[in-house]
C-alpha atoms as a PDB file:
ATOM      1  CA  MET A   1      -0.070  -0.183  -0.147  1.00  0.00           C
ATOM      2  CA  LYS A   2       2.932   2.138  -0.068  1.00  0.00           C
ATOM      3  CA  GLU A   3       2.706   5.442  -2.171  1.00  0.00           C
ATOM      4  CA  ASP A   4      -1.289   5.188  -2.478  1.00  0.00           C
ATOM      5  CA  VAL A   5      -0.974   1.900  -4.243  1.00  0.00           C
ATOM      6  CA  PHE A   6      -4.152  -0.091  -2.694  1.00  0.00           C
ATOM      7  CA  TYR A   7      -4.556  -3.716  -4.080  1.00  0.00           C
ATOM      8  CA  GLY A   8      -8.139  -4.318  -2.708  1.00  0.00           C
ATOM      9  CA  LYS A   9     -10.519  -3.772  -5.718  1.00  0.00           C
ATOM     10  CA  GLY A  10     -13.117  -1.834  -3.558  1.00  0.00           C
ATOM     11  CA  MET A  11     -10.776   1.232  -2.546  1.00  0.00           C
ATOM     12  CA  VAL A  12     -11.220   2.961  -5.928  1.00  0.00           C
ATOM     13  CA  HIS A  13     -14.904   2.996  -4.427  1.00  0.00           C
ATOM     14  CA  VAL A  14     -13.988   4.139  -1.077  1.00  0.00           C
ATOM     15  CA  LYS A  15     -11.693   6.942  -2.479  1.00  0.00           C
ATOM     16  CA  LYS A  16     -14.226   8.286  -4.395  1.00  0.00           C
ATOM     17  CA  ASP A  17     -17.124   7.429  -1.875  1.00  0.00           C
ATOM     18  CA  TYR A  18     -15.706   7.854   1.311  1.00  0.00           C
ATOM     19  CA  PRO A  19     -12.692   9.961   1.261  1.00  0.00           C
ATOM     20  CA  ASP A  20     -12.594  10.288   5.060  1.00  0.00           C
ATOM     21  CA  ILE A  21     -12.094   6.181   5.397  1.00  0.00           C
ATOM     22  CA  TYR A  22      -9.666   6.435   2.569  1.00  0.00           C
ATOM     23  CA  GLU A  23      -7.781   8.895   4.338  1.00  0.00           C
ATOM     24  CA  ALA A  24      -7.430   7.215   7.435  1.00  0.00           C
ATOM     25  CA  VAL A  25      -5.945   4.021   5.895  1.00  0.00           C
ATOM     26  CA  VAL A  26      -3.552   6.198   4.045  1.00  0.00           C
ATOM     27  CA  LYS A  27      -2.418   7.509   7.612  1.00  0.00           C
ATOM     28  CA  LEU A  28      -2.409   3.800   8.988  1.00  0.00           C
ATOM     29  CA  ASN A  29      -0.257   2.942   5.911  1.00  0.00           C
ATOM     30  CA  GLU A  30       2.374   5.642   6.515  1.00  0.00           C
ATOM     31  CA  ALA A  31       2.449   4.641  10.192  1.00  0.00           C
ATOM     32  CA  ALA A  32       3.133   1.223   9.502  1.00  0.00           C
ATOM     33  CA  PHE A  33       5.590   1.793   6.857  1.00  0.00           C
ATOM     34  CA  THR A  34       8.160   4.107   8.290  1.00  0.00           C
ATOM     35  CA  GLY A  35      11.502   2.901   7.547  1.00  0.00           C
ATOM     36  CA  LYS A  36      13.028   4.059  10.510  1.00  0.00           C
ATOM     37  CA  ALA A  37      14.168   0.688  11.812  1.00  0.00           C
ATOM     38  CA  LEU A  38      13.396  -1.462   8.962  1.00  0.00           C
ATOM     39  CA  ASP A  39      13.584  -0.645   5.102  1.00  0.00           C
ATOM     40  CA  TYR A  40      10.463  -0.859   3.302  1.00  0.00           C
ATOM     41  CA  LYS A  41      11.930  -3.656   1.108  1.00  0.00           C
ATOM     42  CA  THR A  42      12.148  -5.696   4.597  1.00  0.00           C
ATOM     43  CA  GLN A  43       8.473  -4.714   5.763  1.00  0.00           C
ATOM     44  CA  LYS A  44       7.294  -5.789   2.228  1.00  0.00           C
ATOM     45  CA  LEU A  45       8.973  -9.278   2.496  1.00  0.00           C
ATOM     46  CA  ILE A  46       7.335  -9.656   5.940  1.00  0.00           C
ATOM     47  CA  ALA A  47       3.930  -8.541   4.976  1.00  0.00           C
ATOM     48  CA  LEU A  48       4.527 -11.218   2.022  1.00  0.00           C
ATOM     49  CA  ALA A  49       5.469 -13.821   4.996  1.00  0.00           C
ATOM     50  CA  ILE A  50       2.128 -13.036   6.547  1.00  0.00           C
ATOM     51  CA  THR A  51      -0.029 -13.250   3.487  1.00  0.00           C
ATOM     52  CA  ALA A  52       1.565 -16.480   3.045  1.00  0.00           C
ATOM     53  CA  SER A  53       0.864 -17.873   6.518  1.00  0.00           C
ATOM     54  CA  ASN A  54      -2.580 -17.165   5.767  1.00  0.00           C
ATOM     55  CA  SER A  55      -2.767 -18.992   2.391  1.00  0.00           C
ATOM     56  CA  ASP A  56      -4.291 -16.034   0.809  1.00  0.00           C
ATOM     57  CA  ASP A  57      -3.520 -16.901  -2.750  1.00  0.00           C
ATOM     58  CA  ARG A  58      -4.713 -13.329  -4.254  1.00  0.00           C
ATOM     59  CA  ALA A  59      -2.487 -11.405  -1.562  1.00  0.00           C
ATOM     60  CA  MET A  60       0.337 -13.655  -2.082  1.00  0.00           C
ATOM     61  CA  LYS A  61       0.614 -13.061  -5.462  1.00  0.00           C
ATOM     62  CA  LYS A  62      -0.019  -9.122  -5.308  1.00  0.00           C
ATOM     63  CA  GLN A  63       2.488  -8.932  -2.560  1.00  0.00           C
ATOM     64  CA  MET A  64       5.327 -11.023  -4.694  1.00  0.00           C
ATOM     65  CA  MET A  65       4.743  -8.770  -7.610  1.00  0.00           C
ATOM     66  CA  SER A  66       5.179  -5.618  -5.504  1.00  0.00           C
ATOM     67  CA  ALA A  67       8.122  -6.988  -3.659  1.00  0.00           C
ATOM     68  CA  ILE A  68       9.604  -7.993  -7.237  1.00  0.00           C
ATOM     69  CA  ARG A  69       8.561  -4.674  -9.427  1.00  0.00           C
ATOM     70  CA  GLU A  70       8.891  -2.083  -6.584  1.00  0.00           C
ATOM     71  CA  PHE A  71      11.853  -3.344  -4.628  1.00  0.00           C
ATOM     72  CA  GLY A  72      13.884  -5.835  -7.108  1.00  0.00           C
ATOM     73  CA  ALA A  73      13.495  -8.216  -4.547  1.00  0.00           C
ATOM     74  CA  THR A  74      14.883 -11.745  -5.930  1.00  0.00           C
ATOM     75  CA  LYS A  75      13.726 -15.317  -6.081  1.00  0.00           C
ATOM     76  CA  ASP A  76      16.319 -16.430  -3.573  1.00  0.00           C
ATOM     77  CA  GLU A  77      14.827 -13.567  -1.181  1.00  0.00           C
ATOM     78  CA  ILE A  78      11.277 -14.844  -1.522  1.00  0.00           C
ATOM     79  CA  VAL A  79      12.596 -18.383  -1.107  1.00  0.00           C
ATOM     80  CA  ASP A  80      13.996 -17.302   2.057  1.00  0.00           C
ATOM     81  CA  VAL A  81      10.908 -15.462   3.253  1.00  0.00           C
ATOM     82  CA  LEU A  82       9.159 -18.796   2.478  1.00  0.00           C
ATOM     83  CA  ARG A  83      11.161 -21.100   4.430  1.00  0.00           C
ATOM     84  CA  VAL A  84      10.192 -18.809   7.585  1.00  0.00           C
ATOM     85  CA  VAL A  85       6.468 -19.729   6.500  1.00  0.00           C
ATOM     86  CA  LEU A  86       7.094 -23.232   6.482  1.00  0.00           C
ATOM     87  CA  LEU A  87       8.805 -23.391   9.947  1.00  0.00           C
ATOM     88  CA  THR A  88       6.043 -21.324  11.591  1.00  0.00           C
ATOM     89  CA  ALA A  89       3.078 -21.993   9.257  1.00  0.00           C
ATOM     90  CA  GLY A  90       3.475 -25.356   7.994  1.00  0.00           C
ATOM     91  CA  ASN A  91       3.812 -27.257   4.539  1.00  0.00           C
ATOM     92  CA  PRO A  92       0.353 -26.066   2.697  1.00  0.00           C
ATOM     93  CA  PRO A  93       0.979 -22.553   2.974  1.00  0.00           C
ATOM     94  CA  PHE A  94       4.830 -22.934   1.861  1.00  0.00           C
ATOM     95  CA  VAL A  95       3.941 -25.314  -1.047  1.00  0.00           C
ATOM     96  CA  LYS A  96       0.843 -22.629  -2.002  1.00  0.00           C
ATOM     97  CA  ALA A  97       3.438 -19.933  -2.121  1.00  0.00           C
ATOM     98  CA  MET A  98       6.014 -21.654  -4.044  1.00  0.00           C
ATOM     99  CA  LYS A  99       3.531 -22.526  -6.848  1.00  0.00           C
ATOM    100  CA  ILE A 100       2.708 -18.986  -6.861  1.00  0.00           C
ATOM    101  CA  LEU A 101       6.185 -17.877  -7.137  1.00  0.00           C
ATOM    102  CA  TYR A 102       7.158 -20.229 -10.242  1.00  0.00           C
ATOM    103  CA  GLU A 103       3.715 -19.246 -11.964  1.00  0.00           C
ATOM    104  CA  LEU A 104       5.130 -15.371 -11.712  1.00  0.00           C
ATOM    105  CA  GLU A 105       8.359 -16.550 -13.270  1.00  0.00           C
ATOM    106  CA  GLU A 106       6.628 -18.235 -16.165  1.00  0.00           C
END
């Protein structure tokens, strides 16, 4: 969600019809992604780990694409993140995330 990029398809409607809610989300984004102790790329990789742990296919794909396009995250960096997902969340979310990663390479 950095720099007013929102992946939820509904955000365009929120921005138009409920600007107060949209601005609150923007401010929350700015408060969360400060880059004070961790750079934004690291924070993005953490977000990827969280979405992968939740087995959210769509969010995983969006987080991976964003990490690769916006920050030049490599396949090896993403796999390192997914290794932690394997350890903490188990095999099903890990395998699902690996499948998505390889689909993005095609």
